[in-house]
Amino acid sequence: MNIKAIIAAVVLTSIASPAFAQTFYVVQDVKTKKCTITESKPTTTETTVVSGDTVYKTRAEAEAGMKTVKVCTSN
């Protein structure tokens, strides 16, 4: 019976884990200087993460954080 419970827990964890792993970043386009929110950390030099080491867990947190980033509010 314990093995069934362990297997059920592993299956549920593997299904639910991707939903909890979503992250948001505040990035700025190098050319246009416009800030946006992305779900993945940029890997190109066309955009730069302007929120520092801050990783947001929800889009609402990222939107609120974008309002506090000086380079985003000055444009």
C-alpha atoms as a PDB file:
ATOM      1  CA  MET A   1       0.000   0.000   0.000  1.00  0.00           C
ATOM      2  CA  ASN A   2       2.865   2.406   0.706  1.00  0.00           C
ATOM      3  CA  ILE A   3       4.302   1.832  -2.743  1.00  0.00           C
ATOM      4  CA  LYS A   4       1.008   2.854  -4.348  1.00  0.00           C
ATOM      5  CA  ALA A   5       0.952   6.056  -2.294  1.00  0.00           C
ATOM      6  CA  ILE A   6       4.542   6.880  -3.258  1.00  0.00           C
ATOM      7  CA  ILE A   7       3.862   6.260  -6.944  1.00  0.00           C
ATOM      8  CA  ALA A   8       0.726   8.424  -6.792  1.00  0.00           C
ATOM      9  CA  ALA A   9       2.682  11.240  -5.101  1.00  0.00           C
ATOM     10  CA  VAL A  10       5.443  11.089  -7.731  1.00  0.00           C
ATOM     11  CA  VAL A  11       2.941  11.195 -10.584  1.00  0.00           C
ATOM     12  CA  LEU A  12       1.045  14.138  -9.079  1.00  0.00           C
ATOM     13  CA  THR A  13       4.273  16.036  -8.397  1.00  0.00           C
ATOM     14  CA  SER A  14       5.550  15.534 -11.933  1.00  0.00           C
ATOM     15  CA  ILE A  15       2.264  16.817 -13.363  1.00  0.00           C
ATOM     16  CA  ALA A  16       1.974  19.832 -11.060  1.00  0.00           C
ATOM     17  CA  SER A  17       5.622  20.948 -11.052  1.00  0.00           C
ATOM     18  CA  PRO A  18       5.642  22.740 -14.424  1.00  0.00           C
ATOM     19  CA  ALA A  19       2.709  24.898 -13.342  1.00  0.00           C
ATOM     20  CA  PHE A  20       4.643  26.157 -10.335  1.00  0.00           C
ATOM     21  CA  ALA A  21       7.834  26.820 -12.282  1.00  0.00           C
ATOM     22  CA  GLN A  22       6.532  29.748 -14.326  1.00  0.00           C
ATOM     23  CA  THR A  23       8.653  32.884 -13.969  1.00  0.00           C
ATOM     24  CA  PHE A  24       8.497  36.380 -15.401  1.00  0.00           C
ATOM     25  CA  TYR A  25      11.267  38.857 -16.217  1.00  0.00           C
ATOM     26  CA  VAL A  26      11.192  42.594 -16.897  1.00  0.00           C
ATOM     27  CA  VAL A  27      13.316  43.205 -19.981  1.00  0.00           C
ATOM     28  CA  GLN A  28      14.195  46.222 -22.104  1.00  0.00           C
ATOM     29  CA  ASP A  29      14.677  46.239 -25.857  1.00  0.00           C
ATOM     30  CA  VAL A  30      18.158  47.643 -26.551  1.00  0.00           C
ATOM     31  CA  LYS A  31      17.102  49.529 -29.690  1.00  0.00           C
ATOM     32  CA  THR A  32      13.712  50.956 -28.728  1.00  0.00           C
ATOM     33  CA  LYS A  33      14.347  51.207 -24.951  1.00  0.00           C
ATOM     34  CA  LYS A  34      10.820  49.821 -24.397  1.00  0.00           C
ATOM     35  CA  CYS A  35      10.262  47.576 -21.365  1.00  0.00           C
ATOM     36  CA  THR A  36       8.208  44.399 -21.600  1.00  0.00           C
ATOM     37  CA  ILE A  37       7.512  41.303 -19.531  1.00  0.00           C
ATOM     38  CA  THR A  38       8.679  37.907 -20.744  1.00  0.00           C
ATOM     39  CA  GLU A  39       8.215  34.397 -19.428  1.00  0.00           C
ATOM     40  CA  SER A  40      11.763  33.332 -20.220  1.00  0.00           C
ATOM     41  CA  LYS A  41      15.111  34.885 -19.505  1.00  0.00           C
ATOM     42  CA  PRO A  42      16.457  36.491 -22.694  1.00  0.00           C
ATOM     43  CA  THR A  43      19.332  34.700 -24.372  1.00  0.00           C
ATOM     44  CA  THR A  44      20.076  37.276 -27.058  1.00  0.00           C
ATOM     45  CA  THR A  45      21.727  40.681 -26.845  1.00  0.00           C
ATOM     46  CA  GLU A  46      18.651  42.409 -28.298  1.00  0.00           C
ATOM     47  CA  THR A  47      16.987  42.564 -24.862  1.00  0.00           C
ATOM     48  CA  THR A  48      18.390  43.094 -21.381  1.00  0.00           C
ATOM     49  CA  VAL A  49      16.946  42.056 -18.024  1.00  0.00           C
ATOM     50  CA  VAL A  50      16.378  45.329 -16.168  1.00  0.00           C
ATOM     51  CA  SER A  51      14.916  43.891 -12.980  1.00  0.00           C
ATOM     52  CA  GLY A  52      18.339  42.724 -11.804  1.00  0.00           C
ATOM     53  CA  ASP A  53      18.249  39.360 -10.114  1.00  0.00           C
ATOM     54  CA  THR A  54      14.528  39.681  -9.399  1.00  0.00           C
ATOM     55  CA  VAL A  55      12.413  36.897 -10.850  1.00  0.00           C
ATOM     56  CA  TYR A  56       8.658  37.380 -10.533  1.00  0.00           C
ATOM     57  CA  LYS A  57       6.278  34.490  -9.924  1.00  0.00           C
ATOM     58  CA  THR A  58       3.186  36.120 -11.448  1.00  0.00           C
ATOM     59  CA  ARG A  59       2.551  38.542 -14.279  1.00  0.00           C
ATOM     60  CA  ALA A  60       0.904  40.946 -11.823  1.00  0.00           C
ATOM     61  CA  GLU A  61       4.080  41.030  -9.710  1.00  0.00           C
ATOM     62  CA  ALA A  62       6.150  41.680 -12.833  1.00  0.00           C
ATOM     63  CA  GLU A  63       3.849  44.535 -13.898  1.00  0.00           C
ATOM     64  CA  ALA A  64       4.133  46.116 -10.454  1.00  0.00           C
ATOM     65  CA  GLY A  65       7.891  45.607 -10.503  1.00  0.00           C
ATOM     66  CA  MET A  66       8.182  47.184 -13.946  1.00  0.00           C
ATOM     67  CA  LYS A  67       6.643  50.374 -12.548  1.00  0.00           C
ATOM     68  CA  THR A  68       9.453  50.602 -10.006  1.00  0.00           C
ATOM     69  CA  VAL A  69      12.358  50.076 -12.430  1.00  0.00           C
ATOM     70  CA  LYS A  70      13.791  53.512 -13.175  1.00  0.00           C
ATOM     71  CA  VAL A  71      14.694  52.871 -16.843  1.00  0.00           C
ATOM     72  CA  CYS A  72      11.149  51.679 -17.519  1.00  0.00           C
ATOM     73  CA  THR A  73       9.394  54.602 -15.887  1.00  0.00           C
ATOM     74  CA  SER A  74      11.592  57.287 -17.466  1.00  0.00           C
ATOM     75  CA  ASN A  75      10.557  56.375 -21.032  1.00  0.00           C
END
